[in-house]
Amino acid sequence: MKKKTKTFPKHACQFCDCERKLVETIIDDEFYWDDTTQMYQPNGFASAFEHTGYVQCAGCEQEWTGM
C-alpha cells in the first residue's frame, strides 16, 4: 500500500494548511490607578511593541512552519 504525502503551499502552515499565524508581541502601554473605579485605566495606547520571536499557527496552534 502506498502512502500519499500531502503538500501545502510554502507560505501556509505545513501541519494543517492554515494561512493565518499568531505573532507574539510585547506591548508597552501605560496604565494609571483610578480611585473612583478602583481599577487601572489606560493612559492612551502606545504603538511601542516588540516581537518575541515566537510564532504559532492560528488553526492548529503548532509552532509556525510556513515561510
PDB file of N, CA and C in Angstrom:
ATOM      1  N   MET A   1       0.841  -1.172   0.000  1.00  0.00           N
ATOM      2  CA  MET A   1       0.000   0.000   0.000  1.00  0.00           C
ATOM      3  C   MET A   1       0.893   1.245   0.000  1.00  0.00           C
ATOM      4  N   LYS A   2       0.624   2.162  -0.904  1.00  0.00           N
ATOM      5  CA  LYS A   2       1.397   3.391  -0.996  1.00  0.00           C
ATOM      6  C   LYS A   2       0.725   4.483  -0.176  1.00  0.00           C
ATOM      7  N   LYS A   3       1.550   5.240   0.493  1.00  0.00           N
ATOM      8  CA  LYS A   3       1.043   6.340   1.305  1.00  0.00           C
ATOM      9  C   LYS A   3       1.258   7.642   0.544  1.00  0.00           C
ATOM     10  N   LYS A   4       0.198   8.438   0.371  1.00  0.00           N
ATOM     11  CA  LYS A   4       0.309   9.711  -0.323  1.00  0.00           C
ATOM     12  C   LYS A   4       0.730  10.793   0.655  1.00  0.00           C
ATOM     13  N   THR A   5       1.701  11.593   0.251  1.00  0.00           N
ATOM     14  CA  THR A   5       2.136  12.718   1.052  1.00  0.00           C
ATOM     15  C   THR A   5       1.430  13.963   0.532  1.00  0.00           C
ATOM     16  N   LYS A   6       0.749  14.652   1.422  1.00  0.00           N
ATOM     17  CA  LYS A   6       0.024  15.854   1.037  1.00  0.00           C
ATOM     18  C   LYS A   6       0.965  17.050   1.150  1.00  0.00           C
ATOM     19  N   THR A   7       0.993  17.893   0.134  1.00  0.00           N
ATOM     20  CA  THR A   7       1.851  19.074   0.165  1.00  0.00           C
ATOM     21  C   THR A   7       0.980  20.327   0.244  1.00  0.00           C
ATOM     22  N   PHE A   8       1.474  21.304   0.988  1.00  0.00           N
ATOM     23  CA  PHE A   8       0.773  22.576   1.163  1.00  0.00           C
ATOM     24  C   PHE A   8       1.636  23.685   0.583  1.00  0.00           C
ATOM     25  N   PRO A   9       1.039  24.839   0.260  1.00  0.00           N
ATOM     26  CA  PRO A   9       1.835  25.967  -0.225  1.00  0.00           C
ATOM     27  C   PRO A   9       2.894  26.356   0.808  1.00  0.00           C
ATOM     28  N   LYS A  10       4.023  26.872   0.343  1.00  0.00           N
ATOM     29  CA  LYS A  10       5.138  27.197   1.238  1.00  0.00           C
ATOM     30  C   LYS A  10       4.772  28.237   2.289  1.00  0.00           C
ATOM     31  N   HIS A  11       3.849  29.157   1.956  1.00  0.00           N
ATOM     32  CA  HIS A  11       3.502  30.222   2.901  1.00  0.00           C
ATOM     33  C   HIS A  11       2.513  29.757   3.963  1.00  0.00           C
ATOM     34  N   ALA A  12       1.915  28.580   3.797  1.00  0.00           N
ATOM     35  CA  ALA A  12       0.903  28.082   4.733  1.00  0.00           C
ATOM     36  C   ALA A  12       1.534  27.180   5.793  1.00  0.00           C
ATOM     37  N   CYS A  13       0.780  26.927   6.864  1.00  0.00           N
ATOM     38  CA  CYS A  13       1.224  26.004   7.903  1.00  0.00           C
ATOM     39  C   CYS A  13       1.398  24.621   7.284  1.00  0.00           C
ATOM     40  N   GLN A  14       2.519  23.987   7.551  1.00  0.00           N
ATOM     41  CA  GLN A  14       2.803  22.692   6.946  1.00  0.00           C
ATOM     42  C   GLN A  14       2.134  21.546   7.697  1.00  0.00           C
ATOM     43  N   PHE A  15       1.476  21.836   8.828  1.00  0.00           N
ATOM     44  CA  PHE A  15       0.718  20.818   9.551  1.00  0.00           C
ATOM     45  C   PHE A  15      -0.739  20.755   9.091  1.00  0.00           C
ATOM     46  N   CYS A  16      -1.360  21.951   8.897  1.00  0.00           N
ATOM     47  CA  CYS A  16      -2.811  21.948   8.632  1.00  0.00           C
ATOM     48  C   CYS A  16      -3.244  22.806   7.451  1.00  0.00           C
ATOM     49  N   ASP A  17      -2.326  23.468   6.746  1.00  0.00           N
ATOM     50  CA  ASP A  17      -2.626  24.295   5.574  1.00  0.00           C
ATOM     51  C   ASP A  17      -3.291  25.635   5.914  1.00  0.00           C
ATOM     52  N   CYS A  18      -3.309  26.018   7.189  1.00  0.00           N
ATOM     53  CA  CYS A  18      -3.883  27.303   7.592  1.00  0.00           C
ATOM     54  C   CYS A  18      -2.961  28.427   7.115  1.00  0.00           C
ATOM     55  N   GLU A  19      -3.521  29.532   6.645  1.00  0.00           N
ATOM     56  CA  GLU A  19      -2.726  30.651   6.162  1.00  0.00           C
ATOM     57  C   GLU A  19      -2.663  31.792   7.166  1.00  0.00           C
ATOM     58  N   ARG A  20      -3.163  31.574   8.382  1.00  0.00           N
ATOM     59  CA  ARG A  20      -3.125  32.601   9.425  1.00  0.00           C
ATOM     60  C   ARG A  20      -2.143  32.194  10.512  1.00  0.00           C
ATOM     61  N   LYS A  21      -1.339  33.157  10.968  1.00  0.00           N
ATOM     62  CA  LYS A  21      -0.398  32.858  12.038  1.00  0.00           C
ATOM     63  C   LYS A  21      -0.518  33.903  13.138  1.00  0.00           C
ATOM     64  N   LEU A  22      -0.208  33.506  14.352  1.00  0.00           N
ATOM     65  CA  LEU A  22      -0.227  34.391  15.501  1.00  0.00           C
ATOM     66  C   LEU A  22       1.208  34.750  15.848  1.00  0.00           C
ATOM     67  N   VAL A  23       1.497  36.053  15.946  1.00  0.00           N
ATOM     68  CA  VAL A  23       2.836  36.534  16.261  1.00  0.00           C
ATOM     69  C   VAL A  23       2.796  37.116  17.669  1.00  0.00           C
ATOM     70  N   GLU A  24       3.590  36.558  18.581  1.00  0.00           N
ATOM     71  CA  GLU A  24       3.606  37.039  19.961  1.00  0.00           C
ATOM     72  C   GLU A  24       4.387  38.344  20.049  1.00  0.00           C
ATOM     73  N   THR A  25       3.772  39.354  20.675  1.00  0.00           N
ATOM     74  CA  THR A  25       4.420  40.646  20.838  1.00  0.00           C
ATOM     75  C   THR A  25       4.294  41.111  22.286  1.00  0.00           C
ATOM     76  N   ILE A  26       5.221  41.942  22.688  1.00  0.00           N
ATOM     77  CA  ILE A  26       5.153  42.599  23.993  1.00  0.00           C
ATOM     78  C   ILE A  26       4.805  44.054  23.733  1.00  0.00           C
ATOM     79  N   ILE A  27       3.697  44.521  24.337  1.00  0.00           N
ATOM     80  CA  ILE A  27       3.227  45.889  24.132  1.00  0.00           C
ATOM     81  C   ILE A  27       3.502  46.688  25.401  1.00  0.00           C
ATOM     82  N   ASP A  28       4.151  47.806  25.239  1.00  0.00           N
ATOM     83  CA  ASP A  28       4.458  48.677  26.373  1.00  0.00           C
ATOM     84  C   ASP A  28       3.419  49.789  26.457  1.00  0.00           C
ATOM     85  N   ASP A  29       2.276  49.509  27.097  1.00  0.00           N
ATOM     86  CA  ASP A  29       1.240  50.518  27.303  1.00  0.00           C
ATOM     87  C   ASP A  29       1.287  50.994  28.749  1.00  0.00           C
ATOM     88  N   GLU A  30       0.792  52.191  28.972  1.00  0.00           N
ATOM     89  CA  GLU A  30       0.830  52.801  30.295  1.00  0.00           C
ATOM     90  C   GLU A  30      -0.573  52.849  30.890  1.00  0.00           C
ATOM     91  N   PHE A  31      -0.689  52.455  32.159  1.00  0.00           N
ATOM     92  CA  PHE A  31      -1.967  52.471  32.865  1.00  0.00           C
ATOM     93  C   PHE A  31      -1.814  53.252  34.163  1.00  0.00           C
ATOM     94  N   TYR A  32      -2.896  53.862  34.631  1.00  0.00           N
ATOM     95  CA  TYR A  32      -2.880  54.574  35.912  1.00  0.00           C
ATOM     96  C   TYR A  32      -4.014  54.052  36.784  1.00  0.00           C
ATOM     97  N   TRP A  33      -3.851  54.180  38.090  1.00  0.00           N
ATOM     98  CA  TRP A  33      -4.845  53.706  39.043  1.00  0.00           C
ATOM     99  C   TRP A  33      -5.915  54.772  39.238  1.00  0.00           C
ATOM    100  N   ASP A  34      -7.179  54.398  39.039  1.00  0.00           N
ATOM    101  CA  ASP A  34      -8.304  55.302  39.215  1.00  0.00           C
ATOM    102  C   ASP A  34      -8.971  54.962  40.544  1.00  0.00           C
ATOM    103  N   ASP A  35      -8.928  55.890  41.511  1.00  0.00           N
ATOM    104  CA  ASP A  35      -9.509  55.637  42.836  1.00  0.00           C
ATOM    105  C   ASP A  35     -11.022  55.503  42.793  1.00  0.00           C
ATOM    106  N   THR A  36     -11.671  56.138  41.824  1.00  0.00           N
ATOM    107  CA  THR A  36     -13.126  56.083  41.722  1.00  0.00           C
ATOM    108  C   THR A  36     -13.615  54.686  41.336  1.00  0.00           C
ATOM    109  N   THR A  37     -13.025  54.124  40.319  1.00  0.00           N
ATOM    110  CA  THR A  37     -13.455  52.806  39.840  1.00  0.00           C
ATOM    111  C   THR A  37     -12.676  51.664  40.485  1.00  0.00           C
ATOM    112  N   GLN A  38     -11.602  52.007  41.209  1.00  0.00           N
ATOM    113  CA  GLN A  38     -10.735  51.016  41.842  1.00  0.00           C
ATOM    114  C   GLN A  38     -10.178  50.025  40.820  1.00  0.00           C
ATOM    115  N   MET A  39      -9.808  50.582  39.670  1.00  0.00           N
ATOM    116  CA  MET A  39      -9.248  49.777  38.581  1.00  0.00           C
ATOM    117  C   MET A  39      -8.150  50.563  37.884  1.00  0.00           C
ATOM    118  N   TYR A  40      -7.267  49.843  37.182  1.00  0.00           N
ATOM    119  CA  TYR A  40      -6.293  50.503  36.318  1.00  0.00           C
ATOM    120  C   TYR A  40      -6.987  50.916  35.039  1.00  0.00           C
ATOM    121  N   GLN A  41      -6.727  52.135  34.594  1.00  0.00           N
ATOM    122  CA  GLN A  41      -7.301  52.673  33.366  1.00  0.00           C
ATOM    123  C   GLN A  41      -6.174  52.958  32.377  1.00  0.00           C
ATOM    124  N   PRO A  42      -6.421  52.770  31.084  1.00  0.00           N
ATOM    125  CA  PRO A  42      -5.363  53.055  30.094  1.00  0.00           C
ATOM    126  C   PRO A  42      -5.094  54.545  29.986  1.00  0.00           C
ATOM    127  N   ASN A  43      -3.838  54.881  29.886  1.00  0.00           N
ATOM    128  CA  ASN A  43      -3.417  56.268  29.693  1.00  0.00           C
ATOM    129  C   ASN A  43      -3.016  56.422  28.225  1.00  0.00           C
ATOM    130  N   GLY A  44      -3.969  56.184  27.337  1.00  0.00           N
ATOM    131  CA  GLY A  44      -3.685  56.166  25.908  1.00  0.00           C
ATOM    132  C   GLY A  44      -3.007  54.847  25.554  1.00  0.00           C
ATOM    133  N   PHE A  45      -2.969  54.517  24.308  1.00  0.00           N
ATOM    134  CA  PHE A  45      -2.323  53.283  23.876  1.00  0.00           C
ATOM    135  C   PHE A  45      -1.153  53.625  22.973  1.00  0.00           C
ATOM    136  N   ALA A  46      -0.002  53.124  23.318  1.00  0.00           N
ATOM    137  CA  ALA A  46       1.211  53.386  22.553  1.00  0.00           C
ATOM    138  C   ALA A  46       1.341  52.387  21.406  1.00  0.00           C
ATOM    139  N   SER A  47       2.112  52.753  20.437  1.00  0.00           N
ATOM    140  CA  SER A  47       2.386  51.827  19.344  1.00  0.00           C
ATOM    141  C   SER A  47       3.771  51.211  19.519  1.00  0.00           C
ATOM    142  N   ALA A  48       4.295  51.283  20.740  1.00  0.00           N
ATOM    143  CA  ALA A  48       5.612  50.721  21.028  1.00  0.00           C
ATOM    144  C   ALA A  48       5.461  49.248  21.391  1.00  0.00           C
ATOM    145  N   PHE A  49       5.950  48.390  20.536  1.00  0.00           N
ATOM    146  CA  PHE A  49       5.882  46.965  20.813  1.00  0.00           C
ATOM    147  C   PHE A  49       7.076  46.276  20.182  1.00  0.00           C
ATOM    148  N   GLU A  50       7.348  45.072  20.648  1.00  0.00           N
ATOM    149  CA  GLU A  50       8.446  44.297  20.062  1.00  0.00           C
ATOM    150  C   GLU A  50       8.009  42.849  19.919  1.00  0.00           C
ATOM    151  N   HIS A  51       8.516  42.192  18.898  1.00  0.00           N
ATOM    152  CA  HIS A  51       8.212  40.785  18.671  1.00  0.00           C
ATOM    153  C   HIS A  51       9.098  39.932  19.573  1.00  0.00           C
ATOM    154  N   THR A  52       8.517  38.893  20.139  1.00  0.00           N
ATOM    155  CA  THR A  52       9.301  37.987  20.983  1.00  0.00           C
ATOM    156  C   THR A  52      10.010  36.933  20.159  1.00  0.00           C
ATOM    157  N   GLY A  53       9.569  36.749  18.921  1.00  0.00           N
ATOM    158  CA  GLY A  53      10.173  35.739  18.067  1.00  0.00           C
ATOM    159  C   GLY A  53       9.350  34.464  18.005  1.00  0.00           C
ATOM    160  N   TYR A  54       8.323  34.339  18.879  1.00  0.00           N
ATOM    161  CA  TYR A  54       7.502  33.130  18.860  1.00  0.00           C
ATOM    162  C   TYR A  54       6.319  33.330  17.921  1.00  0.00           C
ATOM    163  N   VAL A  55       6.152  32.412  16.984  1.00  0.00           N
ATOM    164  CA  VAL A  55       5.059  32.464  16.016  1.00  0.00           C
ATOM    165  C   VAL A  55       4.382  31.100  16.007  1.00  0.00           C
ATOM    166  N   GLN A  56       3.032  31.092  16.043  1.00  0.00           N
ATOM    167  CA  GLN A  56       2.304  29.823  16.003  1.00  0.00           C
ATOM    168  C   GLN A  56       1.151  29.912  15.023  1.00  0.00           C
ATOM    169  N   CYS A  57       0.699  28.758  14.612  1.00  0.00           N
ATOM    170  CA  CYS A  57      -0.418  28.662  13.673  1.00  0.00           C
ATOM    171  C   CYS A  57      -1.721  29.018  14.393  1.00  0.00           C
ATOM    172  N   ALA A  58      -2.566  29.807  13.754  1.00  0.00           N
ATOM    173  CA  ALA A  58      -3.856  30.171  14.341  1.00  0.00           C
ATOM    174  C   ALA A  58      -4.842  29.019  14.272  1.00  0.00           C
ATOM    175  N   GLY A  59      -4.619  28.066  13.377  1.00  0.00           N
ATOM    176  CA  GLY A  59      -5.546  26.947  13.220  1.00  0.00           C
ATOM    177  C   GLY A  59      -5.273  25.787  14.153  1.00  0.00           C
ATOM    178  N   CYS A  60      -4.047  25.266  14.107  1.00  0.00           N
ATOM    179  CA  CYS A  60      -3.731  24.058  14.888  1.00  0.00           C
ATOM    180  C   CYS A  60      -2.860  24.336  16.112  1.00  0.00           C
ATOM    181  N   GLU A  61      -2.446  25.600  16.298  1.00  0.00           N
ATOM    182  CA  GLU A  61      -1.657  26.056  17.448  1.00  0.00           C
ATOM    183  C   GLU A  61      -0.281  25.392  17.558  1.00  0.00           C
ATOM    184  N   GLN A  62       0.215  24.829  16.461  1.00  0.00           N
ATOM    185  CA  GLN A  62       1.580  24.302  16.417  1.00  0.00           C
ATOM    186  C   GLN A  62       2.520  25.467  16.131  1.00  0.00           C
ATOM    187  N   GLU A  63       3.814  25.279  16.421  1.00  0.00           N
ATOM    188  CA  GLU A  63       4.786  26.303  16.069  1.00  0.00           C
ATOM    189  C   GLU A  63       4.768  26.486  14.554  1.00  0.00           C
ATOM    190  N   TRP A  64       4.850  27.743  14.105  1.00  0.00           N
ATOM    191  CA  TRP A  64       4.690  28.054  12.675  1.00  0.00           C
ATOM    192  C   TRP A  64       5.773  27.410  11.833  1.00  0.00           C
ATOM    193  N   THR A  65       5.354  26.765  10.744  1.00  0.00           N
ATOM    194  CA  THR A  65       6.286  26.071   9.868  1.00  0.00           C
ATOM    195  C   THR A  65       6.302  26.628   8.454  1.00  0.00           C
ATOM    196  N   GLY A  66       5.451  27.614   8.163  1.00  0.00           N
ATOM    197  CA  GLY A  66       5.426  28.211   6.828  1.00  0.00           C
ATOM    198  C   GLY A  66       6.545  29.222   6.662  1.00  0.00           C
ATOM    199  N   MET A  67       6.570  29.871   5.526  1.00  0.00           N
ATOM    200  CA  MET A  67       7.614  30.882   5.256  1.00  0.00           C
ATOM    201  C   MET A  67       7.485  32.058   6.183  1.00  0.00           C
TER     202      MET A  67
END
